[in-house]
PDB file of N, CA and C in Angstrom:
ATOM      1  N   UNK A   1      88.313 123.205  78.920  1.00  0.00           N
ATOM      2  CA  UNK A   1      89.304 122.767  77.958  1.00  0.00           C
ATOM      3  C   UNK A   1      89.653 123.948  77.055  1.00  0.00           C
ATOM      4  N   UNK A   2      90.932 124.138  76.795  1.00  0.00           N
ATOM      5  CA  UNK A   2      91.365 125.234  75.946  1.00  0.00           C
ATOM      6  C   UNK A   2      91.615 124.727  74.532  1.00  0.00           C
ATOM      7  N   UNK A   3      91.706 125.673  73.608  1.00  0.00           N
ATOM      8  CA  UNK A   3      91.923 125.368  72.187  1.00  0.00           C
ATOM      9  C   UNK A   3      93.299 124.736  72.012  1.00  0.00           C
ATOM     10  N   UNK A   4      93.409 123.760  71.129  1.00  0.00           N
ATOM     11  CA  UNK A   4      94.692 123.070  70.916  1.00  0.00           C
ATOM     12  C   UNK A   4      95.494 123.649  69.753  1.00  0.00           C
ATOM     13  N   UNK A   5      95.093 124.791  69.216  1.00  0.00           N
ATOM     14  CA  UNK A   5      95.814 125.419  68.114  1.00  0.00           C
ATOM     15  C   UNK A   5      96.875 126.360  68.660  1.00  0.00           C
ATOM     16  N   UNK A   6      97.905 126.591  67.847  1.00  0.00           N
ATOM     17  CA  UNK A   6      98.923 127.572  68.218  1.00  0.00           C
ATOM     18  C   UNK A   6      98.721 128.807  67.364  1.00  0.00           C
ATOM     19  N   UNK A   7      98.984 129.957  67.944  1.00  0.00           N
ATOM     20  CA  UNK A   7      98.820 131.224  67.236  1.00  0.00           C
ATOM     21  C   UNK A   7     100.101 131.540  66.481  1.00  0.00           C
ATOM     22  N   UNK A   8     100.127 132.661  65.794  1.00  0.00           N
ATOM     23  CA  UNK A   8     101.282 133.007  64.971  1.00  0.00           C
ATOM     24  C   UNK A   8     102.576 133.172  65.773  1.00  0.00           C
ATOM     25  N   UNK A   9     102.539 133.784  66.956  1.00  0.00           N
ATOM     26  CA  UNK A   9     103.821 133.881  67.695  1.00  0.00           C
ATOM     27  C   UNK A   9     104.165 132.601  68.455  1.00  0.00           C
ATOM     28  N   UNK A  10     103.683 131.461  67.981  1.00  0.00           N
ATOM     29  CA  UNK A  10     103.976 130.142  68.562  1.00  0.00           C
ATOM     30  C   UNK A  10     103.554 130.016  70.015  1.00  0.00           C
ATOM     31  N   UNK A  11     102.410 130.562  70.320  1.00  0.00           N
ATOM     32  CA  UNK A  11     101.851 130.433  71.667  1.00  0.00           C
ATOM     33  C   UNK A  11     100.567 129.629  71.590  1.00  0.00           C
ATOM     34  N   UNK A  12     100.238 129.016  72.670  1.00  0.00           N
ATOM     35  CA  UNK A  12      98.992 128.246  72.755  1.00  0.00           C
ATOM     36  C   UNK A  12      97.809 129.211  72.759  1.00  0.00           C
ATOM     37  N   UNK A  13      96.754 128.902  71.968  1.00  0.00           N
ATOM     38  CA  UNK A  13      95.537 129.722  71.943  1.00  0.00           C
ATOM     39  C   UNK A  13      94.844 129.575  73.298  1.00  0.00           C
ATOM     40  N   UNK A  14      94.410 130.689  73.876  1.00  0.00           N
ATOM     41  CA  UNK A  14      93.841 130.660  75.228  1.00  0.00           C
ATOM     42  C   UNK A  14      92.314 130.648  75.233  1.00  0.00           C
ATOM     43  N   UNK A  15      91.692 130.561  74.087  1.00  0.00           N
ATOM     44  CA  UNK A  15      90.228 130.585  74.030  1.00  0.00           C
ATOM     45  C   UNK A  15      89.639 129.241  74.437  1.00  0.00           C
ATOM     46  N   UNK A  16      88.346 129.274  74.710  1.00  0.00           N
ATOM     47  CA  UNK A  16      87.609 128.064  75.089  1.00  0.00           C
ATOM     48  C   UNK A  16      87.434 127.183  73.842  1.00  0.00           C
ATOM     49  N   UNK A  17      87.682 125.901  73.952  1.00  0.00           N
ATOM     50  CA  UNK A  17      87.605 124.972  72.822  1.00  0.00           C
ATOM     51  C   UNK A  17      86.185 124.473  72.624  1.00  0.00           C
ATOM     52  N   UNK A  18      85.838 124.210  71.375  1.00  0.00           N
ATOM     53  CA  UNK A  18      84.555 123.595  71.035  1.00  0.00           C
ATOM     54  C   UNK A  18      84.735 122.080  71.037  1.00  0.00           C
ATOM     55  N   UNK A  19      83.730 121.346  70.576  1.00  0.00           N
ATOM     56  CA  UNK A  19      83.797 119.880  70.566  1.00  0.00           C
ATOM     57  C   UNK A  19      84.921 119.362  69.667  1.00  0.00           C
ATOM     58  N   UNK A  20      85.284 120.123  68.646  1.00  0.00           N
ATOM     59  CA  UNK A  20      86.339 119.689  67.731  1.00  0.00           C
ATOM     60  C   UNK A  20      87.733 119.865  68.319  1.00  0.00           C
ATOM     61  N   UNK A  21      87.847 120.552  69.438  1.00  0.00           N
ATOM     62  CA  UNK A  21      89.147 120.783  70.057  1.00  0.00           C
ATOM     63  C   UNK A  21      89.740 122.127  69.710  1.00  0.00           C
ATOM     64  N   UNK A  22      89.089 122.865  68.813  1.00  0.00           N
ATOM     65  CA  UNK A  22      89.564 124.182  68.420  1.00  0.00           C
ATOM     66  C   UNK A  22      88.548 125.233  68.841  1.00  0.00           C
ATOM     67  N   UNK A  23      89.011 126.478  68.985  1.00  0.00           N
ATOM     68  CA  UNK A  23      88.090 127.556  69.350  1.00  0.00           C
ATOM     69  C   UNK A  23      87.285 127.982  68.127  1.00  0.00           C
ATOM     70  N   UNK A  24      86.302 128.823  68.363  1.00  0.00           N
ATOM     71  CA  UNK A  24      85.394 129.264  67.306  1.00  0.00           C
ATOM     72  C   UNK A  24      86.154 129.952  66.176  1.00  0.00           C
ATOM     73  N   UNK A  25      87.093 130.844  66.512  1.00  0.00           N
ATOM     74  CA  UNK A  25      87.814 131.616  65.500  1.00  0.00           C
ATOM     75  C   UNK A  25      88.682 130.717  64.618  1.00  0.00           C
ATOM     76  N   UNK A  26      89.397 129.787  65.221  1.00  0.00           N
ATOM     77  CA  UNK A  26      90.264 128.885  64.450  1.00  0.00           C
ATOM     78  C   UNK A  26      89.416 127.998  63.538  1.00  0.00           C
ATOM     79  N   UNK A  27      88.312 127.500  64.059  1.00  0.00           N
ATOM     80  CA  UNK A  27      87.427 126.646  63.265  1.00  0.00           C
ATOM     81  C   UNK A  27      86.829 127.419  62.091  1.00  0.00           C
ATOM     82  N   UNK A  28      86.458 128.675  62.348  1.00  0.00           N
ATOM     83  CA  UNK A  28      85.916 129.524  61.283  1.00  0.00           C
ATOM     84  C   UNK A  28      86.974 129.764  60.202  1.00  0.00           C
ATOM     85  N   UNK A  29      88.210 130.015  60.615  1.00  0.00           N
ATOM     86  CA  UNK A  29      89.294 130.226  59.647  1.00  0.00           C
ATOM     87  C   UNK A  29      89.533 128.978  58.798  1.00  0.00           C
ATOM     88  N   UNK A  30      89.472 127.807  59.411  1.00  0.00           N
ATOM     89  CA  UNK A  30      89.639 126.555  58.661  1.00  0.00           C
ATOM     90  C   UNK A  30      88.504 126.367  57.652  1.00  0.00           C
ATOM     91  N   UNK A  31      87.289 126.701  58.043  1.00  0.00           N
ATOM     92  CA  UNK A  31      86.154 126.584  57.117  1.00  0.00           C
ATOM     93  C   UNK A  31      86.323 127.533  55.939  1.00  0.00           C
ATOM     94  N   UNK A  32      86.779 128.753  56.229  1.00  0.00           N
ATOM     95  CA  UNK A  32      86.986 129.730  55.154  1.00  0.00           C
ATOM     96  C   UNK A  32      88.040 129.216  54.176  1.00  0.00           C
ATOM     97  N   UNK A  33      89.134 128.674  54.685  1.00  0.00           N
ATOM     98  CA  UNK A  33      90.177 128.117  53.819  1.00  0.00           C
ATOM     99  C   UNK A  33      89.634 126.975  52.965  1.00  0.00           C
ATOM    100  N   UNK A  34      88.828 126.117  53.584  1.00  0.00           N
ATOM    101  CA  UNK A  34      88.246 124.987  52.863  1.00  0.00           C
ATOM    102  C   UNK A  34      87.313 125.477  51.746  1.00  0.00           C
ATOM    103  N   UNK A  35      86.473 126.482  52.058  1.00  0.00           N
ATOM    104  CA  UNK A  35      85.553 127.007  51.053  1.00  0.00           C
ATOM    105  C   UNK A  35      86.314 127.694  49.924  1.00  0.00           C
ATOM    106  N   UNK A  36      87.421 128.363  50.242  1.00  0.00           N
ATOM    107  CA  UNK A  36      88.229 129.001  49.201  1.00  0.00           C
ATOM    108  C   UNK A  36      88.807 127.955  48.247  1.00  0.00           C
ATOM    109  N   UNK A  37      89.279 126.837  48.807  1.00  0.00           N
ATOM    110  CA  UNK A  37      89.818 125.765  47.959  1.00  0.00           C
ATOM    111  C   UNK A  37      88.730 125.177  47.067  1.00  0.00           C
ATOM    112  N   UNK A  38      87.555 124.947  47.642  1.00  0.00           N
ATOM    113  CA  UNK A  38      86.451 124.402  46.850  1.00  0.00           C
ATOM    114  C   UNK A  38      86.027 125.377  45.764  1.00  0.00           C
ATOM    115  N   UNK A  39      85.981 126.666  46.112  1.00  0.00           N
ATOM    116  CA  UNK A  39      85.600 127.685  45.135  1.00  0.00           C
ATOM    117  C   UNK A  39      86.619 127.760  44.003  1.00  0.00           C
ATOM    118  N   UNK A  40      87.898 127.630  44.337  1.00  0.00           N
ATOM    119  CA  UNK A  40      88.945 127.642  43.313  1.00  0.00           C
ATOM    120  C   UNK A  40      88.769 126.468  42.345  1.00  0.00           C
ATOM    121  N   UNK A  41      88.472 125.275  42.887  1.00  0.00           N
ATOM    122  CA  UNK A  41      88.238 124.111  42.034  1.00  0.00           C
ATOM    123  C   UNK A  41      87.018 124.315  41.146  1.00  0.00           C
ATOM    124  N   UNK A  42      85.958 124.879  41.700  1.00  0.00           N
ATOM    125  CA  UNK A  42      84.737 125.101  40.916  1.00  0.00           C
ATOM    126  C   UNK A  42      84.982 126.120  39.816  1.00  0.00           C
ATOM    127  N   UNK A  43      85.748 127.170  40.099  1.00  0.00           N
ATOM    128  CA  UNK A  43      86.063 128.164  39.070  1.00  0.00           C
ATOM    129  C   UNK A  43      86.878 127.531  37.949  1.00  0.00           C
ATOM    130  N   UNK A  44      87.810 126.674  38.307  1.00  0.00           N
ATOM    131  CA  UNK A  44      88.605 125.987  37.283  1.00  0.00           C
ATOM    132  C   UNK A  44      87.720 125.099  36.419  1.00  0.00           C
ATOM    133  N   UNK A  45      86.783 124.408  37.049  1.00  0.00           N
ATOM    134  CA  UNK A  45      85.850 123.563  36.302  1.00  0.00           C
ATOM    135  C   UNK A  45      85.004 124.406  35.346  1.00  0.00           C
ATOM    136  N   UNK A  46      84.536 125.561  35.828  1.00  0.00           N
ATOM    137  CA  UNK A  46      83.727 126.444  34.983  1.00  0.00           C
ATOM    138  C   UNK A  46      84.557 126.941  33.802  1.00  0.00           C
ATOM    139  N   UNK A  47      85.817 127.324  34.051  1.00  0.00           N
ATOM    140  CA  UNK A  47      86.679 127.778  32.958  1.00  0.00           C
ATOM    141  C   UNK A  47      86.883 126.675  31.917  1.00  0.00           C
ATOM    142  N   UNK A  48      87.100 125.458  32.389  1.00  0.00           N
ATOM    143  CA  UNK A  48      87.305 124.331  31.473  1.00  0.00           C
ATOM    144  C   UNK A  48      86.069 124.094  30.616  1.00  0.00           C
ATOM    145  N   UNK A  49      84.900 124.055  31.259  1.00  0.00           N
ATOM    146  CA  UNK A  49      83.667 123.829  30.501  1.00  0.00           C
ATOM    147  C   UNK A  49      83.369 124.993  29.567  1.00  0.00           C
ATOM    148  N   UNK A  50      83.691 126.205  29.979  1.00  0.00           N
ATOM    149  CA  UNK A  50      83.472 127.370  29.127  1.00  0.00           C
ATOM    150  C   UNK A  50      84.355 127.300  27.880  1.00  0.00           C
ATOM    151  N   UNK A  51      85.607 126.890  28.048  1.00  0.00           N
ATOM    152  CA  UNK A  51      86.498 126.742  26.891  1.00  0.00           C
ATOM    153  C   UNK A  51      85.992 125.668  25.932  1.00  0.00           C
ATOM    154  N   UNK A  52      85.536 124.552  26.489  1.00  0.00           N
ATOM    155  CA  UNK A  52      84.992 123.486  25.637  1.00  0.00           C
ATOM    156  C   UNK A  52      83.748 123.961  24.903  1.00  0.00           C
ATOM    157  N   UNK A  53      82.883 124.681  25.608  1.00  0.00           N
ATOM    158  CA  UNK A  53      81.655 125.184  24.999  1.00  0.00           C
ATOM    159  C   UNK A  53      81.968 126.162  23.877  1.00  0.00           C
ATOM    160  N   UNK A  54      82.941 127.047  24.084  1.00  0.00           N
ATOM    161  CA  UNK A  54      83.333 127.989  23.036  1.00  0.00           C
ATOM    162  C   UNK A  54      83.911 127.262  21.827  1.00  0.00           C
ATOM    163  N   UNK A  55      84.678 126.207  22.064  1.00  0.00           N
ATOM    164  CA  UNK A  55      85.234 125.435  20.946  1.00  0.00           C
ATOM    165  C   UNK A  55      84.116 124.766  20.146  1.00  0.00           C
ATOM    166  N   UNK A  56      83.148 124.170  20.838  1.00  0.00           N
ATOM    167  CA  UNK A  56      82.011 123.554  20.143  1.00  0.00           C
ATOM    168  C   UNK A  56      81.199 124.598  19.384  1.00  0.00           C
ATOM    169  N   UNK A  57      81.046 125.769  19.974  1.00  0.00           N
ATOM    170  CA  UNK A  57      80.296 126.835  19.300  1.00  0.00           C
ATOM    171  C   UNK A  57      81.005 127.253  18.010  1.00  0.00           C
ATOM    172  N   UNK A  58      82.341 127.400  18.073  1.00  0.00           N
ATOM    173  CA  UNK A  58      83.090 127.756  16.862  1.00  0.00           C
ATOM    174  C   UNK A  58      82.941 126.680  15.793  1.00  0.00           C
ATOM    175  N   UNK A  59      82.934 125.412  16.209  1.00  0.00           N
ATOM    176  CA  UNK A  59      82.753 124.319  15.245  1.00  0.00           C
ATOM    177  C   UNK A  59      81.391 124.401  14.575  1.00  0.00           C
ATOM    178  N   UNK A  60      80.360 124.634  15.352  1.00  0.00           N
ATOM    179  CA  UNK A  60      79.007 124.729  14.799  1.00  0.00           C
ATOM    180  C   UNK A  60      78.901 125.918  13.859  1.00  0.00           C
ATOM    181  N   UNK A  61      79.504 127.039  14.227  1.00  0.00           N
ATOM    182  CA  UNK A  61      79.470 128.225  13.368  1.00  0.00           C
ATOM    183  C   UNK A  61      80.178 127.937  12.046  1.00  0.00           C
ATOM    184  N   UNK A  62      81.333 127.254  12.098  1.00  0.00           N
ATOM    185  CA  UNK A  62      82.053 126.919  10.860  1.00  0.00           C
ATOM    186  C   UNK A  62      81.222 126.012   9.959  1.00  0.00           C
ATOM    187  N   UNK A  63      80.584 125.003  10.541  1.00  0.00           N
ATOM    188  CA  UNK A  63      79.761 124.084   9.749  1.00  0.00           C
ATOM    189  C   UNK A  63      78.585 124.824   9.126  1.00  0.00           C
ATOM    190  N   UNK A  64      77.914 125.650   9.912  1.00  0.00           N
ATOM    191  CA  UNK A  64      76.768 126.398   9.385  1.00  0.00           C
ATOM    192  C   UNK A  64      77.192 127.379   8.301  1.00  0.00           C
ATOM    193  N   UNK A  65      78.324 128.053   8.495  1.00  0.00           N
ATOM    194  CA  UNK A  65      78.791 129.013   7.494  1.00  0.00           C
ATOM    195  C   UNK A  65      79.146 128.293   6.191  1.00  0.00           C
ATOM    196  N   UNK A  66      79.797 127.163   6.289  1.00  0.00           N
ATOM    197  CA  UNK A  66      80.158 126.398   5.089  1.00  0.00           C
ATOM    198  C   UNK A  66      78.907 125.939   4.344  1.00  0.00           C
ATOM    199  N   UNK A  67      77.929 125.442   5.076  1.00  0.00           N
ATOM    200  CA  UNK A  67      76.684 125.002   4.441  1.00  0.00           C
ATOM    201  C   UNK A  67      75.936 126.174   3.807  1.00  0.00           C
ATOM    202  N   UNK A  68      75.968 127.331   4.466  1.00  0.00           N
ATOM    203  CA  UNK A  68      75.313 128.513   3.911  1.00  0.00           C
ATOM    204  C   UNK A  68      76.003 128.954   2.618  1.00  0.00           C
ATOM    205  N   UNK A  69      77.324 128.933   2.609  1.00  0.00           N
ATOM    206  CA  UNK A  69      78.065 129.332   1.409  1.00  0.00           C
ATOM    207  C   UNK A  69      77.775 128.370   0.259  1.00  0.00           C
ATOM    208  N   UNK A  70      77.729 127.079   0.548  1.00  0.00           N
ATOM    209  CA  UNK A  70      77.381 126.107  -0.503  1.00  0.00           C
ATOM    210  C   UNK A  70      75.976 126.361  -1.031  1.00  0.00           C
ATOM    211  N   UNK A  71      75.057 126.691  -0.141  1.00  0.00           N
ATOM    212  CA  UNK A  71      73.686 127.000  -0.555  1.00  0.00           C
ATOM    213  C   UNK A  71      73.667 128.215  -1.479  1.00  0.00           C
ATOM    214  N   UNK A  72      74.418 129.263  -1.109  1.00  0.00           N
ATOM    215  CA  UNK A  72      74.449 130.468  -1.940  1.00  0.00           C
ATOM    216  C   UNK A  72      75.137 130.212  -3.281  1.00  0.00           C
ATOM    217  N   UNK A  73      76.168 129.374  -3.291  1.00  0.00           N
ATOM    218  CA  UNK A  73      76.833 129.045  -4.556  1.00  0.00           C
ATOM    219  C   UNK A  73      75.914 128.231  -5.458  1.00  0.00           C
ATOM    220  N   UNK A  74      75.118 127.353  -4.867  1.00  0.00           N
ATOM    221  CA  UNK A  74      74.134 126.607  -5.657  1.00  0.00           C
ATOM    222  C   UNK A  74      73.097 127.540  -6.258  1.00  0.00           C
ATOM    223  N   UNK A  75      72.760 128.593  -5.556  1.00  0.00           N
ATOM    224  CA  UNK A  75      71.804 129.561  -6.097  1.00  0.00           C
ATOM    225  C   UNK A  75      72.395 130.307  -7.290  1.00  0.00           C
ATOM    226  N   UNK A  76      73.693 130.553  -7.257  1.00  0.00           N
ATOM    227  CA  UNK A  76      74.322 131.271  -8.362  1.00  0.00           C
ATOM    228  C   UNK A  76      74.311 130.433  -9.640  1.00  0.00           C
ATOM    229  N   UNK A  77      74.806 129.225  -9.547  1.00  0.00           N
ATOM    230  CA  UNK A  77      74.901 128.349 -10.715  1.00  0.00           C
ATOM    231  C   UNK A  77      74.728 126.924 -10.217  1.00  0.00           C
ATOM    232  N   UNK A  78      73.537 126.383 -10.410  1.00  0.00           N
ATOM    233  CA  UNK A  78      73.185 125.137  -9.747  1.00  0.00           C
ATOM    234  C   UNK A  78      73.916 123.913 -10.301  1.00  0.00           C
ATOM    235  N   UNK A  79      74.099 123.828 -11.591  1.00  0.00           N
ATOM    236  CA  UNK A  79      74.656 122.617 -12.197  1.00  0.00           C
ATOM    237  C   UNK A  79      76.107 122.814 -12.619  1.00  0.00           C
ATOM    238  N   UNK A  80      76.811 123.611 -11.884  1.00  0.00           N
ATOM    239  CA  UNK A  80      78.199 123.895 -12.229  1.00  0.00           C
ATOM    240  C   UNK A  80      79.075 123.658 -10.994  1.00  0.00           C
ATOM    241  N   UNK A  81      80.226 123.013 -11.137  1.00  0.00           N
ATOM    242  CA  UNK A  81      81.104 122.785  -9.975  1.00  0.00           C
ATOM    243  C   UNK A  81      81.591 124.109  -9.379  1.00  0.00           C
ATOM    244  N   UNK A  82      81.832 124.077  -8.096  1.00  0.00           N
ATOM    245  CA  UNK A  82      82.234 125.301  -7.389  1.00  0.00           C
ATOM    246  C   UNK A  82      83.545 125.870  -7.920  1.00  0.00           C
ATOM    247  N   UNK A  83      84.468 125.008  -8.327  1.00  0.00           N
ATOM    248  CA  UNK A  83      85.779 125.495  -8.773  1.00  0.00           C
ATOM    249  C   UNK A  83      85.667 126.369 -10.022  1.00  0.00           C
ATOM    250  N   UNK A  84      84.604 126.184 -10.805  1.00  0.00           N
ATOM    251  CA  UNK A  84      84.420 127.037 -11.983  1.00  0.00           C
ATOM    252  C   UNK A  84      83.725 128.343 -11.620  1.00  0.00           C
ATOM    253  N   UNK A  85      82.969 128.335 -10.556  1.00  0.00           N
ATOM    254  CA  UNK A  85      82.300 129.574 -10.121  1.00  0.00           C
ATOM    255  C   UNK A  85      83.332 130.567  -9.593  1.00  0.00           C
ATOM    256  N   UNK A  86      84.384 130.058  -8.920  1.00  0.00           N
ATOM    257  CA  UNK A  86      85.394 130.961  -8.355  1.00  0.00           C
ATOM    258  C   UNK A  86      86.096 131.779  -9.427  1.00  0.00           C
ATOM    259  N   UNK A  87      86.327 131.193 -10.590  1.00  0.00           N
ATOM    260  CA  UNK A  87      87.099 131.862 -11.635  1.00  0.00           C
ATOM    261  C   UNK A  87      86.235 132.718 -12.552  1.00  0.00           C
ATOM    262  N   UNK A  88      84.941 132.623 -12.415  1.00  0.00           N
ATOM    263  CA  UNK A  88      84.029 133.352 -13.294  1.00  0.00           C
ATOM    264  C   UNK A  88      83.815 134.768 -12.760  1.00  0.00           C
ATOM    265  N   UNK A  89      84.191 135.759 -13.561  1.00  0.00           N
ATOM    266  CA  UNK A  89      84.066 137.152 -13.115  1.00  0.00           C
ATOM    267  C   UNK A  89      82.621 137.639 -13.132  1.00  0.00           C
ATOM    268  N   UNK A  90      81.714 136.867 -13.731  1.00  0.00           N
ATOM    269  CA  UNK A  90      80.300 137.265 -13.702  1.00  0.00           C
ATOM    270  C   UNK A  90      79.763 137.269 -12.272  1.00  0.00           C
ATOM    271  N   UNK A  91      80.330 136.426 -11.427  1.00  0.00           N
ATOM    272  CA  UNK A  91      79.843 136.289 -10.053  1.00  0.00           C
ATOM    273  C   UNK A  91      80.709 137.048  -9.049  1.00  0.00           C
ATOM    274  N   UNK A  92      81.527 137.957  -9.549  1.00  0.00           N
ATOM    275  CA  UNK A  92      82.460 138.663  -8.670  1.00  0.00           C
ATOM    276  C   UNK A  92      81.735 139.387  -7.538  1.00  0.00           C
ATOM    277  N   UNK A  93      80.721 140.154  -7.861  1.00  0.00           N
ATOM    278  CA  UNK A  93      80.000 140.926  -6.836  1.00  0.00           C
ATOM    279  C   UNK A  93      79.285 140.015  -5.846  1.00  0.00           C
ATOM    280  N   UNK A  94      78.676 138.959  -6.350  1.00  0.00           N
ATOM    281  CA  UNK A  94      77.964 138.037  -5.460  1.00  0.00           C
ATOM    282  C   UNK A  94      78.926 137.329  -4.504  1.00  0.00           C
ATOM    283  N   UNK A  95      80.082 136.904  -5.025  1.00  0.00           N
ATOM    284  CA  UNK A  95      81.065 136.239  -4.165  1.00  0.00           C
ATOM    285  C   UNK A  95      81.617 137.191  -3.107  1.00  0.00           C
ATOM    286  N   UNK A  96      81.876 138.435  -3.500  1.00  0.00           N
ATOM    287  CA  UNK A  96      82.347 139.417  -2.517  1.00  0.00           C
ATOM    288  C   UNK A  96      81.288 139.675  -1.453  1.00  0.00           C
ATOM    289  N   UNK A  97      80.025 139.650  -1.857  1.00  0.00           N
ATOM    290  CA  UNK A  97      78.935 139.844  -0.893  1.00  0.00           C
ATOM    291  C   UNK A  97      78.817 138.651   0.061  1.00  0.00           C
ATOM    292  N   UNK A  98      78.949 137.448  -0.461  1.00  0.00           N
ATOM    293  CA  UNK A  98      78.831 136.244   0.375  1.00  0.00           C
ATOM    294  C   UNK A  98      79.955 136.182   1.411  1.00  0.00           C
ATOM    295  N   UNK A  99      81.181 136.472   0.996  1.00  0.00           N
ATOM    296  CA  UNK A  99      82.344 136.307   1.875  1.00  0.00           C
ATOM    297  C   UNK A  99      82.748 137.575   2.612  1.00  0.00           C
ATOM    298  N   UNK A 100      82.274 138.706   2.196  1.00  0.00           N
ATOM    299  CA  UNK A 100      82.718 139.996   2.743  1.00  0.00           C
ATOM    300  C   UNK A 100      84.233 140.149   2.598  1.00  0.00           C
ATOM    301  N   UNK A 101      84.750 139.676   1.492  1.00  0.00           N
ATOM    302  CA  UNK A 101      86.177 139.745   1.189  1.00  0.00           C
ATOM    303  C   UNK A 101      86.354 140.154  -0.268  1.00  0.00           C
ATOM    304  N   UNK A 102      87.555 140.615  -0.641  1.00  0.00           N
ATOM    305  CA  UNK A 102      87.818 140.872  -2.059  1.00  0.00           C
ATOM    306  C   UNK A 102      87.729 139.580  -2.873  1.00  0.00           C
ATOM    307  N   UNK A 103      87.468 139.730  -4.143  1.00  0.00           N
ATOM    308  CA  UNK A 103      87.246 138.586  -5.039  1.00  0.00           C
ATOM    309  C   UNK A 103      88.425 137.611  -5.025  1.00  0.00           C
ATOM    310  N   UNK A 104      89.653 138.138  -4.977  1.00  0.00           N
ATOM    311  CA  UNK A 104      90.842 137.279  -5.027  1.00  0.00           C
ATOM    312  C   UNK A 104      90.979 136.387  -3.788  1.00  0.00           C
ATOM    313  N   UNK A 105      90.445 136.806  -2.662  1.00  0.00           N
ATOM    314  CA  UNK A 105      90.602 136.051  -1.414  1.00  0.00           C
ATOM    315  C   UNK A 105      89.445 135.093  -1.135  1.00  0.00           C
ATOM    316  N   UNK A 106      88.395 135.148  -1.903  1.00  0.00           N
ATOM    317  CA  UNK A 106      87.210 134.318  -1.649  1.00  0.00           C
ATOM    318  C   UNK A 106      87.512 132.828  -1.763  1.00  0.00           C
ATOM    319  N   UNK A 107      88.236 132.445  -2.791  1.00  0.00           N
ATOM    320  CA  UNK A 107      88.511 131.025  -3.004  1.00  0.00           C
ATOM    321  C   UNK A 107      89.344 130.454  -1.855  1.00  0.00           C
ATOM    322  N   UNK A 108      90.394 131.166  -1.456  1.00  0.00           N
ATOM    323  CA  UNK A 108      91.241 130.683  -0.357  1.00  0.00           C
ATOM    324  C   UNK A 108      90.457 130.628   0.954  1.00  0.00           C
ATOM    325  N   UNK A 109      89.596 131.586   1.181  1.00  0.00           N
ATOM    326  CA  UNK A 109      88.769 131.596   2.390  1.00  0.00           C
ATOM    327  C   UNK A 109      87.827 130.397   2.412  1.00  0.00           C
ATOM    328  N   UNK A 110      87.247 130.095   1.266  1.00  0.00           N
ATOM    329  CA  UNK A 110      86.344 128.946   1.192  1.00  0.00           C
ATOM    330  C   UNK A 110      87.095 127.637   1.442  1.00  0.00           C
ATOM    331  N   UNK A 111      88.287 127.502   0.858  1.00  0.00           N
ATOM    332  CA  UNK A 111      89.047 126.263   1.049  1.00  0.00           C
ATOM    333  C   UNK A 111      89.473 126.076   2.504  1.00  0.00           C
ATOM    334  N   UNK A 112      89.873 127.139   3.166  1.00  0.00           N
ATOM    335  CA  UNK A 112      90.251 127.002   4.578  1.00  0.00           C
ATOM    336  C   UNK A 112      89.031 126.668   5.430  1.00  0.00           C
ATOM    337  N   UNK A 113      87.886 127.272   5.115  1.00  0.00           N
ATOM    338  CA  UNK A 113      86.652 126.961   5.839  1.00  0.00           C
ATOM    339  C   UNK A 113      86.235 125.513   5.579  1.00  0.00           C
ATOM    340  N   UNK A 114      86.381 125.063   4.347  1.00  0.00           N
ATOM    341  CA  UNK A 114      86.036 123.686   3.999  1.00  0.00           C
ATOM    342  C   UNK A 114      86.960 122.683   4.708  1.00  0.00           C
ATOM    343  N   UNK A 115      88.244 123.013   4.805  1.00  0.00           N
ATOM    344  CA  UNK A 115      89.181 122.136   5.528  1.00  0.00           C
ATOM    345  C   UNK A 115      88.803 122.024   7.000  1.00  0.00           C
ATOM    346  N   UNK A 116      88.456 123.158   7.627  1.00  0.00           N
ATOM    347  CA  UNK A 116      88.042 123.128   9.037  1.00  0.00           C
ATOM    348  C   UNK A 116      86.772 122.315   9.208  1.00  0.00           C
ATOM    349  N   UNK A 117      85.822 122.487   8.285  1.00  0.00           N
ATOM    350  CA  UNK A 117      84.559 121.749   8.375  1.00  0.00           C
ATOM    351  C   UNK A 117      84.795 120.252   8.220  1.00  0.00           C
ATOM    352  N   UNK A 118      85.612 119.878   7.241  1.00  0.00           N
ATOM    353  CA  UNK A 118      85.889 118.459   7.022  1.00  0.00           C
ATOM    354  C   UNK A 118      86.632 117.839   8.203  1.00  0.00           C
ATOM    355  N   UNK A 119      87.509 118.601   8.838  1.00  0.00           N
ATOM    356  CA  UNK A 119      88.209 118.090  10.026  1.00  0.00           C
ATOM    357  C   UNK A 119      87.228 117.841  11.166  1.00  0.00           C
ATOM    358  N   UNK A 120      86.203 118.654  11.270  1.00  0.00           N
ATOM    359  CA  UNK A 120      85.200 118.494  12.330  1.00  0.00           C
ATOM    360  C   UNK A 120      84.280 117.321  12.025  1.00  0.00           C
ATOM    361  N   UNK A 121      83.784 117.256  10.800  1.00  0.00           N
ATOM    362  CA  UNK A 121      82.747 116.289  10.438  1.00  0.00           C
ATOM    363  C   UNK A 121      83.318 114.892  10.229  1.00  0.00           C
ATOM    364  N   UNK A 122      84.491 114.791   9.628  1.00  0.00           N
ATOM    365  CA  UNK A 122      85.023 113.461   9.280  1.00  0.00           C
ATOM    366  C   UNK A 122      85.971 112.974  10.296  1.00  0.00           C
TER     367      UNK A 122
END
C-alpha cells in the first residue's frame, strides 16, 4: 500500500504507507506541526500567567510600600495626622529620605500611592 498524501507538485507520494495510511515522513511532519501548535498555546498561557503574576507583584509592592511609609510617618510624629507632617519643614530631610524625592513632591507621591493601595484593598 502506498502513502495517500500528495506532495507539493500535486503528485501522489510513492513511499510505503504505515498503518495510518501515510508514510513515515508525512506522519512525522504532521506530528511536528501538531507539537508546534501545542507549544504556541503553552507559550501564550505562560505569557498570560506571567503578566498576571507581575500585576499581583506590583500590587503587593504598592501595599507594602504604603504600609512602610505609614510606619515611618508614625515614627516621626505618632499622635499627629499625616496631613500636618507633610507641611512641617522640620521633617523635610526625613520625608526626602523616605520617598527619595524632593520635599515638594512627597505629598503627591504619597497620595497617588495611597489611591493605588485603596483601589487594590477596597
